[in-house]
Amino acid sequence: MIVGRVIGTVVATRKSDALVGRKLLLLQPLVFLRQRDSALGQGAVSEGSPERDAPSVQAGAAEKAIPPDMVVAVDTVGAGVGETVLVALGSAARKALSRPEAPVDAAIVGIIDSMRIADRD
């Protein structure tokens, strides 16, 4: 699983039958750095990469406008733009949909309220 921030929506009028009625969201995977004795407090987490604004794009222009580390995920929990989410990948994503034949590689399975990285020192 990975942690990501929902930065936009994806609209596909033509898609696999297994995806009909499912909301597709665009995610920025997050990388966290442990910050010691910072303004966030000892052991708190912050994003290791800056948040990016996701432009609205038309089909055909998407490969130029969306950075390559973006992930499109099926929403199973009612997440929205700006929320930090837990994302299942691969076969776990298909299990989250209860559709093993679905052409899905990522599914949002949780909305994260808070996280804390314990001190290892």
PDB file of N, CA and C in Angstrom:
ATOM      1  N   MET A   1       0.840  -1.178   0.000  1.00  0.00           N
ATOM      2  CA  MET A   1       0.000   0.000   0.000  1.00  0.00           C
ATOM      3  C   MET A   1       0.882   1.238   0.000  1.00  0.00           C
ATOM      4  N   ILE A   2       0.293   2.326  -0.486  1.00  0.00           N
ATOM      5  CA  ILE A   2       0.983   3.608  -0.477  1.00  0.00           C
ATOM      6  C   ILE A   2       0.057   4.668   0.113  1.00  0.00           C
ATOM      7  N   VAL A   3       0.646   5.799   0.465  1.00  0.00           N
ATOM      8  CA  VAL A   3      -0.112   6.958   0.923  1.00  0.00           C
ATOM      9  C   VAL A   3      -0.066   7.988  -0.191  1.00  0.00           C
ATOM     10  N   GLY A   4      -1.193   8.621  -0.463  1.00  0.00           N
ATOM     11  CA  GLY A   4      -1.245   9.627  -1.515  1.00  0.00           C
ATOM     12  C   GLY A   4      -2.188  10.753  -1.158  1.00  0.00           C
ATOM     13  N   ARG A   5      -2.096  11.836  -1.915  1.00  0.00           N
ATOM     14  CA  ARG A   5      -3.020  12.962  -1.769  1.00  0.00           C
ATOM     15  C   ARG A   5      -3.839  13.044  -3.041  1.00  0.00           C
ATOM     16  N   VAL A   6      -5.155  13.158  -2.893  1.00  0.00           N
ATOM     17  CA  VAL A   6      -6.043  13.290  -4.045  1.00  0.00           C
ATOM     18  C   VAL A   6      -5.885  14.704  -4.587  1.00  0.00           C
ATOM     19  N   ILE A   7      -5.481  14.811  -5.864  1.00  0.00           N
ATOM     20  CA  ILE A   7      -5.260  16.130  -6.460  1.00  0.00           C
ATOM     21  C   ILE A   7      -6.218  16.430  -7.601  1.00  0.00           C
ATOM     22  N   GLY A   8      -7.056  15.477  -7.965  1.00  0.00           N
ATOM     23  CA  GLY A   8      -7.994  15.748  -9.046  1.00  0.00           C
ATOM     24  C   GLY A   8      -8.871  14.556  -9.355  1.00  0.00           C
ATOM     25  N   THR A   9      -9.700  14.739 -10.353  1.00  0.00           N
ATOM     26  CA  THR A   9     -10.608  13.687 -10.794  1.00  0.00           C
ATOM     27  C   THR A   9     -10.285  13.301 -12.220  1.00  0.00           C
ATOM     28  N   VAL A  10     -10.708  12.110 -12.599  1.00  0.00           N
ATOM     29  CA  VAL A  10     -10.532  11.624 -13.970  1.00  0.00           C
ATOM     30  C   VAL A  10     -11.911  11.251 -14.486  1.00  0.00           C
ATOM     31  N   VAL A  11     -12.267  11.780 -15.650  1.00  0.00           N
ATOM     32  CA  VAL A  11     -13.550  11.462 -16.267  1.00  0.00           C
ATOM     33  C   VAL A  11     -13.284  10.639 -17.517  1.00  0.00           C
ATOM     34  N   ALA A  12     -13.892   9.473 -17.584  1.00  0.00           N
ATOM     35  CA  ALA A  12     -13.766   8.596 -18.755  1.00  0.00           C
ATOM     36  C   ALA A  12     -15.176   8.172 -19.159  1.00  0.00           C
ATOM     37  N   THR A  13     -15.660   8.700 -20.271  1.00  0.00           N
ATOM     38  CA  THR A  13     -17.022   8.357 -20.686  1.00  0.00           C
ATOM     39  C   THR A  13     -17.092   6.952 -21.261  1.00  0.00           C
ATOM     40  N   ARG A  14     -15.995   6.471 -21.796  1.00  0.00           N
ATOM     41  CA  ARG A  14     -15.920   5.082 -22.266  1.00  0.00           C
ATOM     42  C   ARG A  14     -14.892   4.361 -21.408  1.00  0.00           C
ATOM     43  N   LYS A  15     -15.333   3.269 -20.809  1.00  0.00           N
ATOM     44  CA  LYS A  15     -14.426   2.509 -19.944  1.00  0.00           C
ATOM     45  C   LYS A  15     -14.923   1.082 -19.811  1.00  0.00           C
ATOM     46  N   SER A  16     -14.109   0.244 -19.235  1.00  0.00           N
ATOM     47  CA  SER A  16     -14.463  -1.148 -18.996  1.00  0.00           C
ATOM     48  C   SER A  16     -15.763  -1.226 -18.208  1.00  0.00           C
ATOM     49  N   ASP A  17     -16.563  -2.233 -18.501  1.00  0.00           N
ATOM     50  CA  ASP A  17     -17.820  -2.431 -17.769  1.00  0.00           C
ATOM     51  C   ASP A  17     -17.586  -2.540 -16.263  1.00  0.00           C
ATOM     52  N   ALA A  18     -16.444  -3.080 -15.862  1.00  0.00           N
ATOM     53  CA  ALA A  18     -16.137  -3.239 -14.436  1.00  0.00           C
ATOM     54  C   ALA A  18     -15.941  -1.896 -13.735  1.00  0.00           C
ATOM     55  N   LEU A  19     -15.741  -0.827 -14.512  1.00  0.00           N
ATOM     56  CA  LEU A  19     -15.511   0.496 -13.931  1.00  0.00           C
ATOM     57  C   LEU A  19     -16.723   1.416 -14.019  1.00  0.00           C
ATOM     58  N   VAL A  20     -17.777   0.965 -14.665  1.00  0.00           N
ATOM     59  CA  VAL A  20     -18.977   1.794 -14.800  1.00  0.00           C
ATOM     60  C   VAL A  20     -19.540   2.099 -13.413  1.00  0.00           C
ATOM     61  N   GLY A  21     -19.817   3.367 -13.167  1.00  0.00           N
ATOM     62  CA  GLY A  21     -20.353   3.789 -11.875  1.00  0.00           C
ATOM     63  C   GLY A  21     -19.299   4.025 -10.810  1.00  0.00           C
ATOM     64  N   ARG A  22     -18.040   3.836 -11.148  1.00  0.00           N
ATOM     65  CA  ARG A  22     -16.947   4.029 -10.184  1.00  0.00           C
ATOM     66  C   ARG A  22     -16.297   5.387 -10.393  1.00  0.00           C
ATOM     67  N   LYS A  23     -15.953   6.067  -9.290  1.00  0.00           N
ATOM     68  CA  LYS A  23     -15.272   7.351  -9.357  1.00  0.00           C
ATOM     69  C   LYS A  23     -13.772   7.102  -9.472  1.00  0.00           C
ATOM     70  N   LEU A  24     -13.138   7.785 -10.422  1.00  0.00           N
ATOM     71  CA  LEU A  24     -11.695   7.694 -10.618  1.00  0.00           C
ATOM     72  C   LEU A  24     -11.059   8.990 -10.129  1.00  0.00           C
ATOM     73  N   LEU A  25     -10.016   8.857  -9.322  1.00  0.00           N
ATOM     74  CA  LEU A  25      -9.335  10.023  -8.770  1.00  0.00           C
ATOM     75  C   LEU A  25      -7.860  10.010  -9.134  1.00  0.00           C
ATOM     76  N   LEU A  26      -7.294  11.199  -9.296  1.00  0.00           N
ATOM     77  CA  LEU A  26      -5.882  11.358  -9.603  1.00  0.00           C
ATOM     78  C   LEU A  26      -5.139  11.624  -8.300  1.00  0.00           C
ATOM     79  N   LEU A  27      -4.093  10.832  -8.057  1.00  0.00           N
ATOM     80  CA  LEU A  27      -3.348  10.908  -6.796  1.00  0.00           C
ATOM     81  C   LEU A  27      -1.901  11.290  -7.022  1.00  0.00           C
ATOM     82  N   GLN A  28      -1.356  12.016  -6.060  1.00  0.00           N
ATOM     83  CA  GLN A  28       0.080  12.277  -5.979  1.00  0.00           C
ATOM     84  C   GLN A  28       0.605  11.403  -4.852  1.00  0.00           C
ATOM     85  N   PRO A  29       1.422  10.382  -5.156  1.00  0.00           N
ATOM     86  CA  PRO A  29       2.015   9.590  -4.069  1.00  0.00           C
ATOM     87  C   PRO A  29       2.846  10.510  -3.172  1.00  0.00           C
ATOM     88  N   LEU A  30       2.807  10.265  -1.870  1.00  0.00           N
ATOM     89  CA  LEU A  30       3.539  11.103  -0.925  1.00  0.00           C
ATOM     90  C   LEU A  30       4.752  10.370  -0.387  1.00  0.00           C
ATOM     91  N   VAL A  31       5.810  11.127  -0.186  1.00  0.00           N
ATOM     92  CA  VAL A  31       7.032  10.626   0.425  1.00  0.00           C
ATOM     93  C   VAL A  31       7.191  11.410   1.716  1.00  0.00           C
ATOM     94  N   PHE A  32       7.412  10.705   2.812  1.00  0.00           N
ATOM     95  CA  PHE A  32       7.507  11.372   4.104  1.00  0.00           C
ATOM     96  C   PHE A  32       8.923  11.304   4.636  1.00  0.00           C
ATOM     97  N   LEU A  33       9.345  12.416   5.215  1.00  0.00           N
ATOM     98  CA  LEU A  33      10.660  12.502   5.839  1.00  0.00           C
ATOM     99  C   LEU A  33      10.464  12.709   7.329  1.00  0.00           C
ATOM    100  N   ARG A  34      11.218  11.987   8.120  1.00  0.00           N
ATOM    101  CA  ARG A  34      11.129  12.177   9.570  1.00  0.00           C
ATOM    102  C   ARG A  34      11.848  13.475   9.921  1.00  0.00           C
ATOM    103  N   GLN A  35      11.185  14.324  10.671  1.00  0.00           N
ATOM    104  CA  GLN A  35      11.754  15.609  11.056  1.00  0.00           C
ATOM    105  C   GLN A  35      11.987  15.594  12.560  1.00  0.00           C
ATOM    106  N   ARG A  36      13.221  15.740  12.969  1.00  0.00           N
ATOM    107  CA  ARG A  36      13.532  15.743  14.401  1.00  0.00           C
ATOM    108  C   ARG A  36      13.627  17.172  14.895  1.00  0.00           C
ATOM    109  N   ASP A  37      13.036  17.414  16.049  1.00  0.00           N
ATOM    110  CA  ASP A  37      13.115  18.716  16.710  1.00  0.00           C
ATOM    111  C   ASP A  37      12.743  19.858  15.770  1.00  0.00           C
ATOM    112  N   SER A  38      11.725  19.665  14.988  1.00  0.00           N
ATOM    113  CA  SER A  38      11.294  20.696  14.049  1.00  0.00           C
ATOM    114  C   SER A  38      10.045  21.383  14.574  1.00  0.00           C
ATOM    115  N   ALA A  39       9.546  22.307  13.802  1.00  0.00           N
ATOM    116  CA  ALA A  39       8.307  23.002  14.167  1.00  0.00           C
ATOM    117  C   ALA A  39       7.135  22.027  14.228  1.00  0.00           C
ATOM    118  N   LEU A  40       7.260  20.886  13.554  1.00  0.00           N
ATOM    119  CA  LEU A  40       6.195  19.890  13.565  1.00  0.00           C
ATOM    120  C   LEU A  40       6.226  19.047  14.832  1.00  0.00           C
ATOM    121  N   GLY A  41       7.330  19.102  15.548  1.00  0.00           N
ATOM    122  CA  GLY A  41       7.464  18.281  16.753  1.00  0.00           C
ATOM    123  C   GLY A  41       8.274  17.043  16.453  1.00  0.00           C
ATOM    124  N   GLN A  42       8.909  16.501  17.462  1.00  0.00           N
ATOM    125  CA  GLN A  42       9.766  15.338  17.284  1.00  0.00           C
ATOM    126  C   GLN A  42       8.962  14.141  16.797  1.00  0.00           C
ATOM    127  N   GLY A  43       9.433  13.530  15.729  1.00  0.00           N
ATOM    128  CA  GLY A  43       8.783  12.341  15.203  1.00  0.00           C
ATOM    129  C   GLY A  43       7.592  12.622  14.308  1.00  0.00           C
ATOM    130  N   ALA A  44       7.248  13.882  14.096  1.00  0.00           N
ATOM    131  CA  ALA A  44       6.124  14.196  13.213  1.00  0.00           C
ATOM    132  C   ALA A  44       6.547  13.962  11.769  1.00  0.00           C
ATOM    133  N   VAL A  45       5.592  13.958  10.879  1.00  0.00           N
ATOM    134  CA  VAL A  45       5.904  13.738   9.476  1.00  0.00           C
ATOM    135  C   VAL A  45       5.528  14.955   8.660  1.00  0.00           C
ATOM    136  N   SER A  46       6.255  15.148   7.580  1.00  0.00           N
ATOM    137  CA  SER A  46       5.904  16.182   6.613  1.00  0.00           C
ATOM    138  C   SER A  46       6.091  15.593   5.230  1.00  0.00           C
ATOM    139  N   GLU A  47       5.486  16.227   4.261  1.00  0.00           N
ATOM    140  CA  GLU A  47       5.628  15.724   2.903  1.00  0.00           C
ATOM    141  C   GLU A  47       7.041  16.001   2.424  1.00  0.00           C
ATOM    142  N   GLY A  48       7.641  15.023   1.797  1.00  0.00           N
ATOM    143  CA  GLY A  48       8.988  15.174   1.291  1.00  0.00           C
ATOM    144  C   GLY A  48       9.044  15.804  -0.082  1.00  0.00           C
ATOM    145  N   SER A  49       7.915  15.898  -0.755  1.00  0.00           N
ATOM    146  CA  SER A  49       7.884  16.545  -2.060  1.00  0.00           C
ATOM    147  C   SER A  49       6.755  17.559  -2.062  1.00  0.00           C
ATOM    148  N   PRO A  50       6.939  18.689  -2.747  1.00  0.00           N
ATOM    149  CA  PRO A  50       5.903  19.716  -2.730  1.00  0.00           C
ATOM    150  C   PRO A  50       4.647  19.257  -3.446  1.00  0.00           C
ATOM    151  N   GLU A  51       3.541  19.773  -2.987  1.00  0.00           N
ATOM    152  CA  GLU A  51       2.264  19.460  -3.621  1.00  0.00           C
ATOM    153  C   GLU A  51       2.213  20.180  -4.962  1.00  0.00           C
ATOM    154  N   ARG A  52       1.691  19.507  -5.968  1.00  0.00           N
ATOM    155  CA  ARG A  52       1.606  20.099  -7.298  1.00  0.00           C
ATOM    156  C   ARG A  52       0.160  20.398  -7.632  1.00  0.00           C
ATOM    157  N   ASP A  53      -0.048  21.478  -8.393  1.00  0.00           N
ATOM    158  CA  ASP A  53      -1.389  21.773  -8.883  1.00  0.00           C
ATOM    159  C   ASP A  53      -1.621  20.931 -10.115  1.00  0.00           C
ATOM    160  N   ALA A  54      -2.770  20.289 -10.182  1.00  0.00           N
ATOM    161  CA  ALA A  54      -3.091  19.446 -11.329  1.00  0.00           C
ATOM    162  C   ALA A  54      -3.923  20.245 -12.320  1.00  0.00           C
ATOM    163  N   PRO A  55      -3.388  20.509 -13.505  1.00  0.00           N
ATOM    164  CA  PRO A  55      -4.149  21.272 -14.486  1.00  0.00           C
ATOM    165  C   PRO A  55      -5.272  20.438 -15.080  1.00  0.00           C
ATOM    166  N   SER A  56      -6.282  21.128 -15.587  1.00  0.00           N
ATOM    167  CA  SER A  56      -7.347  20.443 -16.304  1.00  0.00           C
ATOM    168  C   SER A  56      -6.833  20.191 -17.713  1.00  0.00           C
ATOM    169  N   VAL A  57      -6.909  18.958 -18.184  1.00  0.00           N
ATOM    170  CA  VAL A  57      -6.371  18.630 -19.501  1.00  0.00           C
ATOM    171  C   VAL A  57      -7.386  17.846 -20.309  1.00  0.00           C
ATOM    172  N   GLN A  58      -7.269  17.954 -21.603  1.00  0.00           N
ATOM    173  CA  GLN A  58      -8.096  17.179 -22.516  1.00  0.00           C
ATOM    174  C   GLN A  58      -7.317  15.933 -22.926  1.00  0.00           C
ATOM    175  N   ALA A  59      -8.025  14.901 -23.345  1.00  0.00           N
ATOM    176  CA  ALA A  59      -7.367  13.672 -23.809  1.00  0.00           C
ATOM    177  C   ALA A  59      -6.394  14.030 -24.918  1.00  0.00           C
ATOM    178  N   GLY A  60      -5.246  13.381 -24.925  1.00  0.00           N
ATOM    179  CA  GLY A  60      -4.226  13.649 -25.926  1.00  0.00           C
ATOM    180  C   GLY A  60      -3.162  14.591 -25.400  1.00  0.00           C
ATOM    181  N   ALA A  61      -3.531  15.490 -24.504  1.00  0.00           N
ATOM    182  CA  ALA A  61      -2.572  16.417 -23.917  1.00  0.00           C
ATOM    183  C   ALA A  61      -2.127  15.940 -22.540  1.00  0.00           C
ATOM    184  N   ALA A  62      -2.775  14.906 -22.023  1.00  0.00           N
ATOM    185  CA  ALA A  62      -2.523  14.458 -20.651  1.00  0.00           C
ATOM    186  C   ALA A  62      -1.074  14.085 -20.409  1.00  0.00           C
ATOM    187  N   GLU A  63      -0.413  13.433 -21.379  1.00  0.00           N
ATOM    188  CA  GLU A  63       0.948  12.988 -21.145  1.00  0.00           C
ATOM    189  C   GLU A  63       1.910  14.153 -20.963  1.00  0.00           C
ATOM    190  N   LYS A  64       1.556  15.341 -21.436  1.00  0.00           N
ATOM    191  CA  LYS A  64       2.413  16.508 -21.263  1.00  0.00           C
ATOM    192  C   LYS A  64       2.094  17.249 -19.971  1.00  0.00           C
ATOM    193  N   ALA A  65       0.867  17.125 -19.476  1.00  0.00           N
ATOM    194  CA  ALA A  65       0.429  17.932 -18.349  1.00  0.00           C
ATOM    195  C   ALA A  65       0.521  17.220 -17.004  1.00  0.00           C
ATOM    196  N   ILE A  66       0.483  15.907 -16.991  1.00  0.00           N
ATOM    197  CA  ILE A  66       0.461  15.166 -15.733  1.00  0.00           C
ATOM    198  C   ILE A  66       1.821  14.515 -15.503  1.00  0.00           C
ATOM    199  N   PRO A  67       2.474  14.834 -14.381  1.00  0.00           N
ATOM    200  CA  PRO A  67       3.775  14.224 -14.094  1.00  0.00           C
ATOM    201  C   PRO A  67       3.682  12.698 -14.056  1.00  0.00           C
ATOM    202  N   PRO A  68       4.769  11.999 -14.377  1.00  0.00           N
ATOM    203  CA  PRO A  68       4.729  10.538 -14.499  1.00  0.00           C
ATOM    204  C   PRO A  68       4.492   9.784 -13.197  1.00  0.00           C
ATOM    205  N   ASP A  69       4.655  10.423 -12.046  1.00  0.00           N
ATOM    206  CA  ASP A  69       4.446   9.702 -10.791  1.00  0.00           C
ATOM    207  C   ASP A  69       3.004   9.771 -10.294  1.00  0.00           C
ATOM    208  N   MET A  70       2.111  10.358 -11.076  1.00  0.00           N
ATOM    209  CA  MET A  70       0.699  10.402 -10.698  1.00  0.00           C
ATOM    210  C   MET A  70       0.088   9.008 -10.812  1.00  0.00           C
ATOM    211  N   VAL A  71      -0.935   8.744 -10.004  1.00  0.00           N
ATOM    212  CA  VAL A  71      -1.618   7.454 -10.004  1.00  0.00           C
ATOM    213  C   VAL A  71      -3.107   7.716 -10.169  1.00  0.00           C
ATOM    214  N   VAL A  72      -3.756   6.954 -11.048  1.00  0.00           N
ATOM    215  CA  VAL A  72      -5.212   6.985 -11.148  1.00  0.00           C
ATOM    216  C   VAL A  72      -5.724   5.809 -10.331  1.00  0.00           C
ATOM    217  N   ALA A  73      -6.640   6.094  -9.406  1.00  0.00           N
ATOM    218  CA  ALA A  73      -7.155   5.048  -8.518  1.00  0.00           C
ATOM    219  C   ALA A  73      -8.677   5.088  -8.489  1.00  0.00           C
ATOM    220  N   VAL A  74      -9.271   3.911  -8.318  1.00  0.00           N
ATOM    221  CA  VAL A  74     -10.712   3.804  -8.133  1.00  0.00           C
ATOM    222  C   VAL A  74     -11.013   4.104  -6.667  1.00  0.00           C
ATOM    223  N   ASP A  75     -11.997   4.975  -6.439  1.00  0.00           N
ATOM    224  CA  ASP A  75     -12.365   5.355  -5.072  1.00  0.00           C
ATOM    225  C   ASP A  75     -13.393   4.379  -4.521  1.00  0.00           C
ATOM    226  N   THR A  76     -13.090   3.758  -3.378  1.00  0.00           N
ATOM    227  CA  THR A  76     -14.045   2.834  -2.749  1.00  0.00           C
ATOM    228  C   THR A  76     -14.592   3.372  -1.430  1.00  0.00           C
ATOM    229  N   VAL A  77     -14.138   4.575  -1.022  1.00  0.00           N
ATOM    230  CA  VAL A  77     -14.509   5.082   0.302  1.00  0.00           C
ATOM    231  C   VAL A  77     -15.106   6.489   0.302  1.00  0.00           C
ATOM    232  N   GLY A  78     -15.278   7.099  -0.849  1.00  0.00           N
ATOM    233  CA  GLY A  78     -15.852   8.442  -0.902  1.00  0.00           C
ATOM    234  C   GLY A  78     -14.858   9.553  -0.625  1.00  0.00           C
ATOM    235  N   ALA A  79     -13.616   9.381  -1.058  1.00  0.00           N
ATOM    236  CA  ALA A  79     -12.581  10.396  -0.854  1.00  0.00           C
ATOM    237  C   ALA A  79     -12.821  11.581  -1.786  1.00  0.00           C
ATOM    238  N   GLY A  80     -12.214  12.710  -1.424  1.00  0.00           N
ATOM    239  CA  GLY A  80     -12.348  13.908  -2.238  1.00  0.00           C
ATOM    240  C   GLY A  80     -11.015  14.590  -2.442  1.00  0.00           C
ATOM    241  N   VAL A  81     -11.006  15.576  -3.324  1.00  0.00           N
ATOM    242  CA  VAL A  81      -9.793  16.325  -3.632  1.00  0.00           C
ATOM    243  C   VAL A  81      -9.260  16.969  -2.357  1.00  0.00           C
ATOM    244  N   GLY A  82      -7.947  16.848  -2.164  1.00  0.00           N
ATOM    245  CA  GLY A  82      -7.278  17.417  -1.007  1.00  0.00           C
ATOM    246  C   GLY A  82      -7.089  16.452   0.145  1.00  0.00           C
ATOM    247  N   GLU A  83      -7.760  15.306   0.109  1.00  0.00           N
ATOM    248  CA  GLU A  83      -7.639  14.350   1.213  1.00  0.00           C
ATOM    249  C   GLU A  83      -6.415  13.460   1.036  1.00  0.00           C
ATOM    250  N   THR A  84      -5.859  13.036   2.172  1.00  0.00           N
ATOM    251  CA  THR A  84      -4.755  12.086   2.190  1.00  0.00           C
ATOM    252  C   THR A  84      -5.369  10.703   2.339  1.00  0.00           C
ATOM    253  N   VAL A  85      -4.948   9.785   1.468  1.00  0.00           N
ATOM    254  CA  VAL A  85      -5.622   8.489   1.385  1.00  0.00           C
ATOM    255  C   VAL A  85      -4.642   7.323   1.419  1.00  0.00           C
ATOM    256  N   LEU A  86      -5.172   6.159   1.781  1.00  0.00           N
ATOM    257  CA  LEU A  86      -4.445   4.896   1.767  1.00  0.00           C
ATOM    258  C   LEU A  86      -4.849   4.170   0.490  1.00  0.00           C
ATOM    259  N   VAL A  87      -3.861   3.706  -0.268  1.00  0.00           N
ATOM    260  CA  VAL A  87      -4.122   3.130  -1.584  1.00  0.00           C
ATOM    261  C   VAL A  87      -3.590   1.704  -1.660  1.00  0.00           C
ATOM    262  N   ALA A  88      -4.470   0.775  -2.010  1.00  0.00           N
ATOM    263  CA  ALA A  88      -4.069  -0.616  -2.248  1.00  0.00           C
ATOM    264  C   ALA A  88      -3.665  -0.740  -3.711  1.00  0.00           C
ATOM    265  N   LEU A  89      -2.637  -1.540  -3.964  1.00  0.00           N
ATOM    266  CA  LEU A  89      -2.127  -1.713  -5.326  1.00  0.00           C
ATOM    267  C   LEU A  89      -2.250  -3.162  -5.780  1.00  0.00           C
ATOM    268  N   GLY A  90      -2.284  -3.372  -7.086  1.00  0.00           N
ATOM    269  CA  GLY A  90      -2.277  -4.715  -7.663  1.00  0.00           C
ATOM    270  C   GLY A  90      -3.510  -5.523  -7.328  1.00  0.00           C
ATOM    271  N   SER A  91      -3.309  -6.804  -7.014  1.00  0.00           N
ATOM    272  CA  SER A  91      -4.444  -7.692  -6.751  1.00  0.00           C
ATOM    273  C   SER A  91      -5.237  -7.254  -5.525  1.00  0.00           C
ATOM    274  N   ALA A  92      -4.587  -6.587  -4.573  1.00  0.00           N
ATOM    275  CA  ALA A  92      -5.312  -6.077  -3.401  1.00  0.00           C
ATOM    276  C   ALA A  92      -6.321  -5.009  -3.815  1.00  0.00           C
ATOM    277  N   ALA A  93      -6.003  -4.238  -4.842  1.00  0.00           N
ATOM    278  CA  ALA A  93      -6.938  -3.225  -5.342  1.00  0.00           C
ATOM    279  C   ALA A  93      -8.169  -3.888  -5.941  1.00  0.00           C
ATOM    280  N   ARG A  94      -7.973  -4.949  -6.683  1.00  0.00           N
ATOM    281  CA  ARG A  94      -9.116  -5.663  -7.277  1.00  0.00           C
ATOM    282  C   ARG A  94      -9.976  -6.309  -6.192  1.00  0.00           C
ATOM    283  N   LYS A  95      -9.352  -6.811  -5.141  1.00  0.00           N
ATOM    284  CA  LYS A  95     -10.119  -7.381  -4.026  1.00  0.00           C
ATOM    285  C   LYS A  95     -10.959  -6.313  -3.338  1.00  0.00           C
ATOM    286  N   ALA A  96     -10.432  -5.099  -3.245  1.00  0.00           N
ATOM    287  CA  ALA A  96     -11.178  -4.007  -2.615  1.00  0.00           C
ATOM    288  C   ALA A  96     -12.456  -3.696  -3.387  1.00  0.00           C
ATOM    289  N   LEU A  97     -12.440  -3.957  -4.686  1.00  0.00           N
ATOM    290  CA  LEU A  97     -13.621  -3.733  -5.526  1.00  0.00           C
ATOM    291  C   LEU A  97     -14.544  -4.940  -5.554  1.00  0.00           C
ATOM    292  N   SER A  98     -14.095  -6.057  -5.013  1.00  0.00           N
ATOM    293  CA  SER A  98     -14.831  -7.332  -5.097  1.00  0.00           C
ATOM    294  C   SER A  98     -15.065  -7.735  -6.544  1.00  0.00           C
ATOM    295  N   ARG A  99     -14.125  -7.352  -7.405  1.00  0.00           N
ATOM    296  CA  ARG A  99     -14.209  -7.689  -8.828  1.00  0.00           C
ATOM    297  C   ARG A  99     -12.829  -8.158  -9.291  1.00  0.00           C
ATOM    298  N   PRO A 100     -12.500  -9.444  -9.133  1.00  0.00           N
ATOM    299  CA  PRO A 100     -11.153  -9.911  -9.477  1.00  0.00           C
ATOM    300  C   PRO A 100     -10.793  -9.733 -10.946  1.00  0.00           C
ATOM    301  N   GLU A 101     -11.800  -9.580 -11.808  1.00  0.00           N
ATOM    302  CA  GLU A 101     -11.528  -9.410 -13.235  1.00  0.00           C
ATOM    303  C   GLU A 101     -11.378  -7.940 -13.631  1.00  0.00           C
ATOM    304  N   ALA A 102     -11.601  -7.015 -12.706  1.00  0.00           N
ATOM    305  CA  ALA A 102     -11.550  -5.581 -13.016  1.00  0.00           C
ATOM    306  C   ALA A 102     -10.135  -5.156 -13.411  1.00  0.00           C
ATOM    307  N   PRO A 103     -10.020  -4.334 -14.453  1.00  0.00           N
ATOM    308  CA  PRO A 103      -8.703  -3.853 -14.884  1.00  0.00           C
ATOM    309  C   PRO A 103      -8.239  -2.682 -14.007  1.00  0.00           C
ATOM    310  N   VAL A 104      -7.972  -2.985 -12.747  1.00  0.00           N
ATOM    311  CA  VAL A 104      -7.632  -1.955 -11.761  1.00  0.00           C
ATOM    312  C   VAL A 104      -6.288  -2.289 -11.134  1.00  0.00           C
ATOM    313  N   ASP A 105      -5.444  -1.271 -11.027  1.00  0.00           N
ATOM    314  CA  ASP A 105      -4.138  -1.450 -10.404  1.00  0.00           C
ATOM    315  C   ASP A 105      -4.030  -0.701  -9.079  1.00  0.00           C
ATOM    316  N   ALA A 106      -4.955   0.250  -8.838  1.00  0.00           N
ATOM    317  CA  ALA A 106      -4.911   1.033  -7.600  1.00  0.00           C
ATOM    318  C   ALA A 106      -6.329   1.352  -7.143  1.00  0.00           C
ATOM    319  N   ALA A 107      -6.581   1.192  -5.844  1.00  0.00           N
ATOM    320  CA  ALA A 107      -7.890   1.509  -5.268  1.00  0.00           C
ATOM    321  C   ALA A 107      -7.700   2.230  -3.941  1.00  0.00           C
ATOM    322  N   ILE A 108      -8.438   3.306  -3.755  1.00  0.00           N
ATOM    323  CA  ILE A 108      -8.412   4.030  -2.485  1.00  0.00           C
ATOM    324  C   ILE A 108      -9.241   3.234  -1.492  1.00  0.00           C
ATOM    325  N   VAL A 109      -8.600   2.813  -0.397  1.00  0.00           N
ATOM    326  CA  VAL A 109      -9.273   1.959   0.585  1.00  0.00           C
ATOM    327  C   VAL A 109      -9.407   2.622   1.957  1.00  0.00           C
ATOM    328  N   GLY A 110      -8.896   3.828   2.108  1.00  0.00           N
ATOM    329  CA  GLY A 110      -9.016   4.518   3.384  1.00  0.00           C
ATOM    330  C   GLY A 110      -8.705   5.993   3.256  1.00  0.00           C
ATOM    331  N   ILE A 111      -9.321   6.788   4.125  1.00  0.00           N
ATOM    332  CA  ILE A 111      -9.020   8.215   4.231  1.00  0.00           C
ATOM    333  C   ILE A 111      -8.253   8.391   5.534  1.00  0.00           C
ATOM    334  N   ILE A 112      -7.059   8.955   5.442  1.00  0.00           N
ATOM    335  CA  ILE A 112      -6.170   9.066   6.598  1.00  0.00           C
ATOM    336  C   ILE A 112      -6.470  10.339   7.380  1.00  0.00           C
ATOM    337  N   ASP A 113      -6.697  10.176   8.681  1.00  0.00           N
ATOM    338  CA  ASP A 113      -6.932  11.317   9.561  1.00  0.00           C
ATOM    339  C   ASP A 113      -5.620  11.868  10.109  1.00  0.00           C
ATOM    340  N   SER A 114      -4.703  10.984  10.489  1.00  0.00           N
ATOM    341  CA  SER A 114      -3.411  11.425  11.006  1.00  0.00           C
ATOM    342  C   SER A 114      -2.415  10.282  10.898  1.00  0.00           C
ATOM    343  N   MET A 115      -1.135  10.651  10.948  1.00  0.00           N
ATOM    344  CA  MET A 115      -0.045   9.668  10.920  1.00  0.00           C
ATOM    345  C   MET A 115       1.052  10.163  11.850  1.00  0.00           C
ATOM    346  N   ARG A 116       1.820   9.227  12.367  1.00  0.00           N
ATOM    347  CA  ARG A 116       2.970   9.571  13.206  1.00  0.00           C
ATOM    348  C   ARG A 116       4.035   8.519  12.995  1.00  0.00           C
ATOM    349  N   ILE A 117       5.258   8.981  12.806  1.00  0.00           N
ATOM    350  CA  ILE A 117       6.397   8.078  12.684  1.00  0.00           C
ATOM    351  C   ILE A 117       7.106   8.066  14.036  1.00  0.00           C
ATOM    352  N   ALA A 118       7.231   6.900  14.635  1.00  0.00           N
ATOM    353  CA  ALA A 118       7.877   6.776  15.942  1.00  0.00           C
ATOM    354  C   ALA A 118       9.369   7.025  15.816  1.00  0.00           C
ATOM    355  N   ASP A 119       9.951   7.585  16.866  1.00  0.00           N
ATOM    356  CA  ASP A 119      11.398   7.794  16.903  1.00  0.00           C
ATOM    357  C   ASP A 119      12.108   6.456  16.913  1.00  0.00           C
ATOM    358  N   ARG A 120      13.163   6.329  16.147  1.00  0.00           N
ATOM    359  CA  ARG A 120      13.936   5.081  16.109  1.00  0.00           C
ATOM    360  C   ARG A 120      15.223   5.192  16.904  1.00  0.00           C
ATOM    361  N   ASP A 121      15.527   6.372  17.362  1.00  0.00           N
ATOM    362  CA  ASP A 121      16.783   6.583  18.098  1.00  0.00           C
ATOM    363  C   ASP A 121      16.654   6.214  19.544  1.00  0.00           C
TER     364      ASP A 121
END
